[in-house]
Amino acid sequence: MTNFLKNIDRNWSLFLDRDGVINRRPEGGYVKSRDEFEFLPGVREALAVFSKIFKRIIVVTNQQGVGKGLMTVDDLELVHDKMLTEIEQAGGRIDAVYYCTDLDEKPLNCRKPSPFMAQKALVEFPDIELEKCLMAGDTDSDLQFGHNSGMKTVYINTRGESVDCSLYDATFSSLAEFAQYCF
């Protein structure tokens, strides 16, 4: 199942979910401030490895906490500034962060599994080829986003939960394990 990972080269791009993949997902809540953002073990090092391999690394994240009024876009951007700074200090990079603050109930929202954020990335980075992209996430909606966008999918099972195995092409217990296996 994971054999395709050996064929990845600098023509590929990596899309990542944030909460539960890069940082700890608060139980039943949201990361509302810089102080609440906590990297999962080995993530900064994994991103340093991925930065040497992938052409682009893009974070795509649903953030309806903003839509619910639990935090502001400025609060969210401060969280992302902290994340990006620490990743860069560890030798990694993120080329862009796309987020959707729509509520789940909003018709035609931009939230994953909609391919909206992938389409936004294509506008900013026309060199991305979706058939040469991986989406790594920890939820059904992340993996469905990958499928809806024409990407390969990697299930990052940080919570020990199961998802429909037809949704992913490979699975790892963490982003760090994924980096160690592939590269």
N, C-alpha and C. Protein backbone atom coordinates (compact mmCIF):
# COMPACT_ATOMS: atom_id res chain seq x y z
N MET A 1 0.81 -1.20 0.00
CA MET A 1 0.00 0.00 0.00
C MET A 1 0.86 1.27 0.00
N THR A 2 1.99 1.26 0.64
CA THR A 2 2.82 2.46 0.76
C THR A 2 3.91 2.54 -0.30
N ASN A 3 3.93 1.62 -1.25
CA ASN A 3 5.00 1.61 -2.26
C ASN A 3 5.08 2.91 -3.06
N PHE A 4 3.94 3.55 -3.30
CA PHE A 4 3.94 4.79 -4.08
C PHE A 4 4.79 5.87 -3.41
N LEU A 5 4.97 5.80 -2.10
CA LEU A 5 5.73 6.82 -1.39
C LEU A 5 7.20 6.83 -1.81
N LYS A 6 7.71 5.70 -2.28
CA LYS A 6 9.11 5.63 -2.71
C LYS A 6 9.35 6.40 -4.02
N ASN A 7 8.27 6.74 -4.72
CA ASN A 7 8.39 7.44 -6.00
C ASN A 7 8.27 8.96 -5.87
N ILE A 8 8.16 9.44 -4.66
CA ILE A 8 8.01 10.88 -4.45
C ILE A 8 9.34 11.59 -4.69
N ASP A 9 9.25 12.70 -5.41
CA ASP A 9 10.43 13.50 -5.69
C ASP A 9 10.07 14.98 -5.56
N ARG A 10 10.96 15.87 -5.98
CA ARG A 10 10.76 17.31 -5.84
C ARG A 10 9.60 17.86 -6.67
N ASN A 11 8.95 17.03 -7.48
CA ASN A 11 7.79 17.49 -8.23
C ASN A 11 6.50 17.36 -7.41
N TRP A 12 6.58 16.72 -6.25
CA TRP A 12 5.41 16.48 -5.41
C TRP A 12 5.24 17.60 -4.39
N SER A 13 3.99 17.79 -3.97
CA SER A 13 3.66 18.74 -2.91
C SER A 13 2.93 18.00 -1.79
N LEU A 14 3.10 18.52 -0.59
CA LEU A 14 2.50 17.92 0.60
C LEU A 14 1.50 18.91 1.20
N PHE A 15 0.27 18.44 1.36
CA PHE A 15 -0.76 19.21 2.05
C PHE A 15 -0.95 18.57 3.42
N LEU A 16 -1.04 19.40 4.45
CA LEU A 16 -1.16 18.92 5.82
C LEU A 16 -2.33 19.57 6.53
N ASP A 17 -3.06 18.76 7.29
CA ASP A 17 -4.00 19.31 8.25
C ASP A 17 -3.18 19.87 9.41
N ARG A 18 -3.78 20.72 10.23
CA ARG A 18 -3.05 21.28 11.36
C ARG A 18 -3.36 20.52 12.65
N ASP A 19 -4.55 20.73 13.21
CA ASP A 19 -4.89 20.16 14.51
C ASP A 19 -4.96 18.64 14.44
N GLY A 20 -4.16 17.98 15.29
CA GLY A 20 -4.12 16.52 15.32
C GLY A 20 -3.03 15.94 14.44
N VAL A 21 -2.40 16.76 13.61
CA VAL A 21 -1.31 16.31 12.74
C VAL A 21 -0.03 17.07 13.09
N ILE A 22 -0.12 18.39 13.14
CA ILE A 22 1.03 19.23 13.48
C ILE A 22 1.05 19.51 14.98
N ASN A 23 -0.11 19.82 15.53
CA ASN A 23 -0.21 20.17 16.95
C ASN A 23 -1.27 19.32 17.65
N ARG A 24 -1.19 19.32 18.98
CA ARG A 24 -2.18 18.60 19.77
C ARG A 24 -3.55 19.20 19.52
N ARG A 25 -4.53 18.32 19.31
CA ARG A 25 -5.91 18.74 19.14
C ARG A 25 -6.55 18.81 20.52
N PRO A 26 -6.99 19.99 20.95
CA PRO A 26 -7.64 20.07 22.26
C PRO A 26 -8.95 19.27 22.25
N GLU A 27 -9.17 18.49 23.30
CA GLU A 27 -10.40 17.70 23.39
C GLU A 27 -11.62 18.62 23.40
N GLY A 28 -12.45 18.48 22.38
CA GLY A 28 -13.70 19.23 22.31
C GLY A 28 -13.54 20.73 22.20
N GLY A 29 -12.37 21.21 21.83
CA GLY A 29 -12.18 22.64 21.78
C GLY A 29 -11.34 23.09 20.60
N TYR A 30 -10.81 24.26 20.73
CA TYR A 30 -10.05 24.89 19.66
C TYR A 30 -8.76 25.48 20.23
N VAL A 31 -7.74 25.55 19.41
CA VAL A 31 -6.53 26.28 19.78
C VAL A 31 -6.86 27.74 19.52
N LYS A 32 -7.04 28.50 20.62
CA LYS A 32 -7.52 29.88 20.50
C LYS A 32 -6.42 30.92 20.67
N SER A 33 -5.23 30.48 21.10
CA SER A 33 -4.15 31.44 21.31
C SER A 33 -2.80 30.76 21.10
N ARG A 34 -1.77 31.58 20.97
CA ARG A 34 -0.40 31.06 20.80
C ARG A 34 -0.03 30.13 21.95
N ASP A 35 -0.44 30.48 23.15
CA ASP A 35 -0.08 29.69 24.34
C ASP A 35 -0.71 28.30 24.32
N GLU A 36 -1.83 28.13 23.63
CA GLU A 36 -2.52 26.84 23.57
C GLU A 36 -1.97 25.94 22.46
N PHE A 37 -1.13 26.49 21.60
CA PHE A 37 -0.58 25.72 20.48
C PHE A 37 0.61 24.90 20.98
N GLU A 38 0.52 23.57 20.82
CA GLU A 38 1.59 22.67 21.26
C GLU A 38 1.89 21.66 20.15
N PHE A 39 3.11 21.70 19.65
CA PHE A 39 3.52 20.76 18.60
C PHE A 39 3.43 19.33 19.11
N LEU A 40 3.05 18.43 18.24
CA LEU A 40 3.14 17.00 18.54
C LEU A 40 4.61 16.58 18.47
N PRO A 41 5.01 15.53 19.17
CA PRO A 41 6.41 15.10 19.17
C PRO A 41 6.93 14.81 17.76
N GLY A 42 8.12 15.34 17.45
CA GLY A 42 8.81 15.04 16.21
C GLY A 42 8.33 15.79 14.98
N VAL A 43 7.31 16.63 15.13
CA VAL A 43 6.73 17.32 13.96
C VAL A 43 7.71 18.32 13.35
N ARG A 44 8.36 19.12 14.17
CA ARG A 44 9.30 20.11 13.61
C ARG A 44 10.41 19.41 12.84
N GLU A 45 10.92 18.31 13.38
CA GLU A 45 11.98 17.56 12.70
C GLU A 45 11.45 16.92 11.42
N ALA A 46 10.22 16.41 11.46
CA ALA A 46 9.61 15.82 10.26
C ALA A 46 9.47 16.87 9.16
N LEU A 47 9.07 18.07 9.53
CA LEU A 47 8.91 19.12 8.53
C LEU A 47 10.25 19.56 7.96
N ALA A 48 11.31 19.47 8.74
CA ALA A 48 12.65 19.76 8.20
C ALA A 48 13.01 18.72 7.14
N VAL A 49 12.66 17.46 7.39
CA VAL A 49 12.90 16.39 6.40
C VAL A 49 12.04 16.63 5.16
N PHE A 50 10.75 16.87 5.36
CA PHE A 50 9.84 17.07 4.23
C PHE A 50 10.25 18.28 3.38
N SER A 51 10.83 19.29 4.01
CA SER A 51 11.23 20.50 3.29
C SER A 51 12.32 20.24 2.26
N LYS A 52 13.09 19.18 2.47
CA LYS A 52 14.14 18.82 1.52
C LYS A 52 13.60 17.98 0.37
N ILE A 53 12.39 17.48 0.50
CA ILE A 53 11.86 16.53 -0.47
C ILE A 53 10.74 17.12 -1.32
N PHE A 54 9.80 17.82 -0.67
CA PHE A 54 8.62 18.29 -1.39
C PHE A 54 8.84 19.68 -1.96
N LYS A 55 8.27 19.89 -3.16
CA LYS A 55 8.34 21.20 -3.81
C LYS A 55 7.58 22.24 -2.99
N ARG A 56 6.41 21.88 -2.54
CA ARG A 56 5.56 22.78 -1.76
C ARG A 56 5.03 22.03 -0.54
N ILE A 57 4.89 22.76 0.56
CA ILE A 57 4.24 22.24 1.76
C ILE A 57 3.18 23.26 2.16
N ILE A 58 1.94 22.79 2.18
CA ILE A 58 0.79 23.66 2.38
C ILE A 58 -0.03 23.12 3.57
N VAL A 59 -0.41 24.00 4.48
CA VAL A 59 -1.31 23.63 5.57
C VAL A 59 -2.71 24.07 5.19
N VAL A 60 -3.68 23.16 5.35
CA VAL A 60 -5.09 23.45 5.10
C VAL A 60 -5.85 23.07 6.37
N THR A 61 -6.58 24.03 6.93
CA THR A 61 -7.19 23.79 8.23
C THR A 61 -8.56 24.44 8.35
N ASN A 62 -9.52 23.66 8.85
CA ASN A 62 -10.85 24.19 9.19
C ASN A 62 -10.74 24.87 10.55
N GLN A 63 -11.21 26.09 10.65
CA GLN A 63 -11.11 26.85 11.89
C GLN A 63 -12.43 27.55 12.20
N GLN A 64 -13.46 26.74 12.45
CA GLN A 64 -14.76 27.34 12.71
C GLN A 64 -14.85 28.00 14.08
N GLY A 65 -13.82 27.85 14.91
CA GLY A 65 -13.78 28.60 16.18
C GLY A 65 -13.87 30.10 15.94
N VAL A 66 -13.32 30.56 14.81
CA VAL A 66 -13.44 31.97 14.44
C VAL A 66 -14.90 32.27 14.10
N GLY A 67 -15.50 31.40 13.28
CA GLY A 67 -16.90 31.59 12.90
C GLY A 67 -17.85 31.55 14.10
N LYS A 68 -17.48 30.83 15.13
CA LYS A 68 -18.29 30.74 16.35
C LYS A 68 -18.03 31.91 17.31
N GLY A 69 -17.05 32.76 16.98
CA GLY A 69 -16.74 33.89 17.83
C GLY A 69 -15.89 33.56 19.03
N LEU A 70 -15.24 32.40 19.03
CA LEU A 70 -14.39 31.99 20.15
C LEU A 70 -13.00 32.61 20.07
N MET A 71 -12.66 33.11 18.89
CA MET A 71 -11.38 33.76 18.66
C MET A 71 -11.52 34.60 17.40
N THR A 72 -10.54 35.45 17.16
CA THR A 72 -10.57 36.31 15.98
C THR A 72 -9.60 35.78 14.91
N VAL A 73 -9.71 36.31 13.73
CA VAL A 73 -8.75 35.98 12.67
C VAL A 73 -7.35 36.41 13.11
N ASP A 74 -7.24 37.54 13.81
CA ASP A 74 -5.94 37.97 14.32
C ASP A 74 -5.36 36.95 15.30
N ASP A 75 -6.20 36.40 16.18
CA ASP A 75 -5.75 35.36 17.11
C ASP A 75 -5.23 34.16 16.33
N LEU A 76 -5.98 33.75 15.31
CA LEU A 76 -5.61 32.60 14.48
C LEU A 76 -4.27 32.85 13.78
N GLU A 77 -4.10 34.04 13.26
CA GLU A 77 -2.85 34.36 12.56
C GLU A 77 -1.66 34.42 13.51
N LEU A 78 -1.88 34.81 14.76
CA LEU A 78 -0.80 34.77 15.76
C LEU A 78 -0.39 33.32 16.05
N VAL A 79 -1.37 32.42 16.11
CA VAL A 79 -1.08 30.99 16.28
C VAL A 79 -0.23 30.51 15.12
N HIS A 80 -0.64 30.87 13.90
CA HIS A 80 0.09 30.43 12.71
C HIS A 80 1.49 31.05 12.65
N ASP A 81 1.63 32.30 13.09
CA ASP A 81 2.96 32.92 13.13
C ASP A 81 3.89 32.13 14.05
N LYS A 82 3.38 31.74 15.22
CA LYS A 82 4.19 30.94 16.14
C LYS A 82 4.58 29.61 15.49
N MET A 83 3.60 28.94 14.87
CA MET A 83 3.86 27.66 14.22
C MET A 83 4.93 27.80 13.14
N LEU A 84 4.78 28.79 12.28
CA LEU A 84 5.73 28.98 11.17
C LEU A 84 7.13 29.33 11.68
N THR A 85 7.21 30.17 12.68
CA THR A 85 8.51 30.57 13.23
C THR A 85 9.24 29.36 13.79
N GLU A 86 8.55 28.54 14.57
CA GLU A 86 9.20 27.38 15.18
C GLU A 86 9.59 26.33 14.14
N ILE A 87 8.79 26.18 13.12
CA ILE A 87 9.13 25.24 12.04
C ILE A 87 10.39 25.73 11.31
N GLU A 88 10.44 27.01 11.00
CA GLU A 88 11.61 27.57 10.32
C GLU A 88 12.86 27.46 11.20
N GLN A 89 12.72 27.69 12.49
CA GLN A 89 13.87 27.58 13.40
C GLN A 89 14.41 26.15 13.45
N ALA A 90 13.54 25.18 13.17
CA ALA A 90 13.95 23.77 13.18
C ALA A 90 14.45 23.31 11.80
N GLY A 91 14.53 24.23 10.83
CA GLY A 91 15.04 23.90 9.51
C GLY A 91 13.97 23.48 8.52
N GLY A 92 12.70 23.66 8.85
CA GLY A 92 11.60 23.31 7.95
C GLY A 92 10.98 24.53 7.32
N ARG A 93 9.93 24.29 6.57
CA ARG A 93 9.21 25.40 5.94
C ARG A 93 7.77 24.99 5.68
N ILE A 94 6.92 25.98 5.65
CA ILE A 94 5.54 25.87 5.19
C ILE A 94 5.40 26.98 4.16
N ASP A 95 4.97 26.63 2.96
CA ASP A 95 4.86 27.63 1.90
C ASP A 95 3.61 28.48 2.01
N ALA A 96 2.54 27.92 2.58
CA ALA A 96 1.30 28.67 2.74
C ALA A 96 0.42 27.97 3.76
N VAL A 97 -0.41 28.77 4.41
CA VAL A 97 -1.44 28.25 5.32
C VAL A 97 -2.78 28.78 4.83
N TYR A 98 -3.68 27.87 4.51
CA TYR A 98 -5.04 28.23 4.12
C TYR A 98 -5.98 27.75 5.19
N TYR A 99 -6.93 28.60 5.56
CA TYR A 99 -7.89 28.22 6.59
C TYR A 99 -9.29 28.64 6.17
N CYS A 100 -10.26 27.92 6.70
CA CYS A 100 -11.66 28.24 6.47
C CYS A 100 -12.31 28.46 7.82
N THR A 101 -12.89 29.63 8.01
CA THR A 101 -13.54 29.97 9.27
C THR A 101 -15.06 29.77 9.21
N ASP A 102 -15.57 29.25 8.09
CA ASP A 102 -17.01 29.03 7.96
C ASP A 102 -17.51 28.03 8.99
N LEU A 103 -18.75 28.21 9.40
CA LEU A 103 -19.41 27.22 10.24
C LEU A 103 -19.81 26.04 9.37
N ASP A 104 -19.82 24.89 9.97
CA ASP A 104 -20.15 23.65 9.27
C ASP A 104 -21.53 23.73 8.60
N GLU A 105 -22.45 24.42 9.23
CA GLU A 105 -23.83 24.49 8.72
C GLU A 105 -23.99 25.42 7.51
N LYS A 106 -23.02 26.27 7.27
CA LYS A 106 -23.14 27.23 6.17
C LYS A 106 -23.20 26.50 4.83
N PRO A 107 -24.22 26.77 4.03
CA PRO A 107 -24.27 26.14 2.70
C PRO A 107 -23.07 26.58 1.85
N LEU A 108 -22.58 25.67 1.04
CA LEU A 108 -21.46 25.94 0.13
C LEU A 108 -20.27 26.56 0.85
N ASN A 109 -19.93 25.99 2.01
CA ASN A 109 -18.80 26.53 2.76
C ASN A 109 -17.47 26.05 2.16
N CYS A 110 -16.39 26.65 2.63
CA CYS A 110 -15.06 26.33 2.10
C CYS A 110 -14.34 25.26 2.91
N ARG A 111 -15.01 24.71 3.91
CA ARG A 111 -14.40 23.73 4.82
C ARG A 111 -14.06 22.43 4.10
N LYS A 112 -12.97 21.77 4.58
CA LYS A 112 -12.71 20.41 4.10
C LYS A 112 -13.92 19.57 4.51
N PRO A 113 -14.44 18.74 3.66
CA PRO A 113 -13.81 18.10 2.50
C PRO A 113 -13.95 18.82 1.16
N SER A 114 -14.52 20.02 1.16
CA SER A 114 -14.57 20.78 -0.09
C SER A 114 -13.15 21.00 -0.60
N PRO A 115 -12.94 20.93 -1.91
CA PRO A 115 -11.60 21.15 -2.47
C PRO A 115 -11.22 22.64 -2.56
N PHE A 116 -12.00 23.52 -1.96
CA PHE A 116 -11.79 24.96 -2.08
C PHE A 116 -10.35 25.38 -1.76
N MET A 117 -9.80 24.91 -0.64
CA MET A 117 -8.45 25.35 -0.25
C MET A 117 -7.38 24.82 -1.20
N ALA A 118 -7.61 23.65 -1.81
CA ALA A 118 -6.67 23.15 -2.82
C ALA A 118 -6.72 24.03 -4.06
N GLN A 119 -7.92 24.44 -4.44
CA GLN A 119 -8.06 25.31 -5.60
C GLN A 119 -7.40 26.67 -5.34
N LYS A 120 -7.51 27.15 -4.10
CA LYS A 120 -6.85 28.40 -3.72
C LYS A 120 -5.33 28.25 -3.84
N ALA A 121 -4.81 27.11 -3.42
CA ALA A 121 -3.37 26.86 -3.53
C ALA A 121 -2.92 26.85 -4.99
N LEU A 122 -3.74 26.27 -5.87
CA LEU A 122 -3.39 26.23 -7.29
C LEU A 122 -3.29 27.62 -7.90
N VAL A 123 -4.10 28.55 -7.41
CA VAL A 123 -4.04 29.93 -7.91
C VAL A 123 -2.71 30.57 -7.50
N GLU A 124 -2.33 30.36 -6.23
CA GLU A 124 -1.10 30.97 -5.73
C GLU A 124 0.15 30.24 -6.21
N PHE A 125 0.04 28.92 -6.40
CA PHE A 125 1.18 28.10 -6.81
C PHE A 125 0.78 27.27 -8.04
N PRO A 126 0.79 27.87 -9.23
CA PRO A 126 0.35 27.15 -10.43
C PRO A 126 1.25 25.97 -10.81
N ASP A 127 2.42 25.85 -10.16
CA ASP A 127 3.31 24.72 -10.44
C ASP A 127 2.86 23.44 -9.71
N ILE A 128 1.88 23.53 -8.84
CA ILE A 128 1.37 22.34 -8.15
C ILE A 128 0.54 21.52 -9.12
N GLU A 129 0.81 20.21 -9.15
CA GLU A 129 0.02 19.26 -9.92
C GLU A 129 -0.69 18.36 -8.91
N LEU A 130 -2.02 18.44 -8.85
CA LEU A 130 -2.76 17.73 -7.82
C LEU A 130 -2.53 16.22 -7.83
N GLU A 131 -2.26 15.66 -9.01
CA GLU A 131 -2.00 14.21 -9.06
C GLU A 131 -0.62 13.87 -8.47
N LYS A 132 0.18 14.89 -8.20
CA LYS A 132 1.48 14.71 -7.54
C LYS A 132 1.45 15.41 -6.18
N CYS A 133 0.36 15.20 -5.46
CA CYS A 133 0.19 15.77 -4.13
C CYS A 133 -0.24 14.69 -3.16
N LEU A 134 0.19 14.87 -1.92
CA LEU A 134 -0.26 14.04 -0.80
C LEU A 134 -1.03 14.93 0.15
N MET A 135 -2.11 14.41 0.69
CA MET A 135 -2.82 15.08 1.78
C MET A 135 -2.67 14.22 3.01
N ALA A 136 -2.07 14.76 4.07
CA ALA A 136 -1.90 14.03 5.32
C ALA A 136 -2.83 14.65 6.36
N GLY A 137 -3.73 13.82 6.89
CA GLY A 137 -4.68 14.31 7.88
C GLY A 137 -5.12 13.23 8.83
N ASP A 138 -5.84 13.65 9.86
CA ASP A 138 -6.25 12.72 10.91
C ASP A 138 -7.76 12.52 11.00
N THR A 139 -8.52 13.04 10.04
CA THR A 139 -9.97 12.88 10.07
C THR A 139 -10.49 12.48 8.69
N ASP A 140 -11.72 11.96 8.69
CA ASP A 140 -12.38 11.62 7.43
C ASP A 140 -12.41 12.83 6.49
N SER A 141 -12.74 14.01 7.03
CA SER A 141 -12.87 15.18 6.15
C SER A 141 -11.53 15.56 5.51
N ASP A 142 -10.41 15.35 6.23
CA ASP A 142 -9.10 15.60 5.63
C ASP A 142 -8.85 14.67 4.46
N LEU A 143 -9.14 13.40 4.67
CA LEU A 143 -8.89 12.39 3.64
C LEU A 143 -9.85 12.56 2.47
N GLN A 144 -11.10 12.91 2.76
CA GLN A 144 -12.06 13.18 1.68
C GLN A 144 -11.64 14.41 0.89
N PHE A 145 -11.10 15.42 1.57
CA PHE A 145 -10.56 16.60 0.88
C PHE A 145 -9.49 16.16 -0.12
N GLY A 146 -8.58 15.30 0.31
CA GLY A 146 -7.54 14.80 -0.59
C GLY A 146 -8.13 14.11 -1.80
N HIS A 147 -9.09 13.22 -1.56
CA HIS A 147 -9.74 12.52 -2.68
C HIS A 147 -10.48 13.50 -3.59
N ASN A 148 -11.22 14.43 -2.99
CA ASN A 148 -11.98 15.40 -3.78
C ASN A 148 -11.08 16.31 -4.61
N SER A 149 -9.82 16.42 -4.19
CA SER A 149 -8.86 17.27 -4.90
C SER A 149 -7.97 16.48 -5.85
N GLY A 150 -8.11 15.15 -5.90
CA GLY A 150 -7.30 14.32 -6.80
C GLY A 150 -5.94 13.97 -6.25
N MET A 151 -5.77 13.98 -4.92
CA MET A 151 -4.48 13.70 -4.29
C MET A 151 -4.43 12.27 -3.74
N LYS A 152 -3.22 11.80 -3.48
CA LYS A 152 -3.02 10.61 -2.66
C LYS A 152 -3.25 11.05 -1.21
N THR A 153 -3.65 10.11 -0.35
CA THR A 153 -3.95 10.47 1.03
C THR A 153 -3.17 9.61 2.01
N VAL A 154 -2.76 10.26 3.10
CA VAL A 154 -2.02 9.60 4.17
C VAL A 154 -2.78 9.88 5.48
N TYR A 155 -3.22 8.80 6.12
CA TYR A 155 -3.92 8.92 7.39
C TYR A 155 -2.91 8.97 8.51
N ILE A 156 -2.92 10.07 9.27
CA ILE A 156 -2.05 10.24 10.42
C ILE A 156 -2.91 9.94 11.65
N ASN A 157 -2.74 8.75 12.20
CA ASN A 157 -3.63 8.25 13.24
C ASN A 157 -3.08 8.57 14.63
N THR A 158 -3.05 9.85 14.98
CA THR A 158 -2.49 10.27 16.26
C THR A 158 -3.41 9.95 17.44
N ARG A 159 -4.70 9.70 17.16
CA ARG A 159 -5.65 9.46 18.25
C ARG A 159 -6.02 7.99 18.41
N GLY A 160 -5.43 7.13 17.59
CA GLY A 160 -5.73 5.71 17.71
C GLY A 160 -7.15 5.35 17.28
N GLU A 161 -7.72 6.14 16.39
CA GLU A 161 -9.08 5.89 15.89
C GLU A 161 -9.01 5.29 14.50
N SER A 162 -10.11 4.67 14.11
CA SER A 162 -10.13 4.12 12.76
C SER A 162 -11.02 4.97 11.87
N VAL A 163 -10.64 5.04 10.62
CA VAL A 163 -11.46 5.69 9.60
C VAL A 163 -11.64 4.70 8.47
N ASP A 164 -12.52 5.00 7.57
CA ASP A 164 -12.78 4.15 6.42
C ASP A 164 -11.48 3.95 5.63
N CYS A 165 -11.03 2.71 5.53
CA CYS A 165 -9.73 2.44 4.89
C CYS A 165 -9.74 2.75 3.39
N SER A 166 -10.91 2.92 2.80
CA SER A 166 -10.94 3.30 1.39
C SER A 166 -10.56 4.76 1.19
N LEU A 167 -10.45 5.52 2.29
CA LEU A 167 -10.14 6.94 2.19
C LEU A 167 -8.65 7.24 2.15
N TYR A 168 -7.80 6.26 2.50
CA TYR A 168 -6.37 6.57 2.55
C TYR A 168 -5.54 5.55 1.77
N ASP A 169 -4.39 6.05 1.31
CA ASP A 169 -3.45 5.23 0.54
C ASP A 169 -2.32 4.70 1.42
N ALA A 170 -2.12 5.34 2.57
CA ALA A 170 -1.09 4.91 3.52
C ALA A 170 -1.50 5.42 4.90
N THR A 171 -0.99 4.78 5.95
CA THR A 171 -1.30 5.23 7.30
C THR A 171 -0.08 5.14 8.20
N PHE A 172 0.04 6.13 9.09
CA PHE A 172 1.13 6.18 10.06
C PHE A 172 0.57 6.72 11.37
N SER A 173 1.24 6.42 12.47
CA SER A 173 0.76 6.86 13.78
C SER A 173 1.07 8.33 14.06
N SER A 174 1.98 8.91 13.30
CA SER A 174 2.36 10.31 13.51
C SER A 174 3.04 10.85 12.26
N LEU A 175 3.16 12.16 12.21
CA LEU A 175 3.89 12.79 11.10
C LEU A 175 5.37 12.39 11.17
N ALA A 176 5.89 12.25 12.38
CA ALA A 176 7.29 11.84 12.55
C ALA A 176 7.52 10.44 11.98
N GLU A 177 6.59 9.51 12.25
CA GLU A 177 6.73 8.16 11.71
C GLU A 177 6.66 8.18 10.18
N PHE A 178 5.78 8.99 9.65
CA PHE A 178 5.66 9.14 8.19
C PHE A 178 6.99 9.62 7.60
N ALA A 179 7.60 10.62 8.21
CA ALA A 179 8.90 11.12 7.71
C ALA A 179 9.98 10.07 7.78
N GLN A 180 10.01 9.30 8.86
CA GLN A 180 11.03 8.26 9.03
C GLN A 180 10.85 7.14 7.99
N TYR A 181 9.62 6.76 7.73
CA TYR A 181 9.36 5.67 6.80
C TYR A 181 9.76 6.04 5.38
N CYS A 182 9.36 7.21 4.98
CA CYS A 182 9.50 7.59 3.57
C CYS A 182 10.88 8.05 3.20
N PHE A 183 11.54 8.74 4.09
CA PHE A 183 12.68 9.47 3.64
C PHE A 183 13.82 9.34 4.62
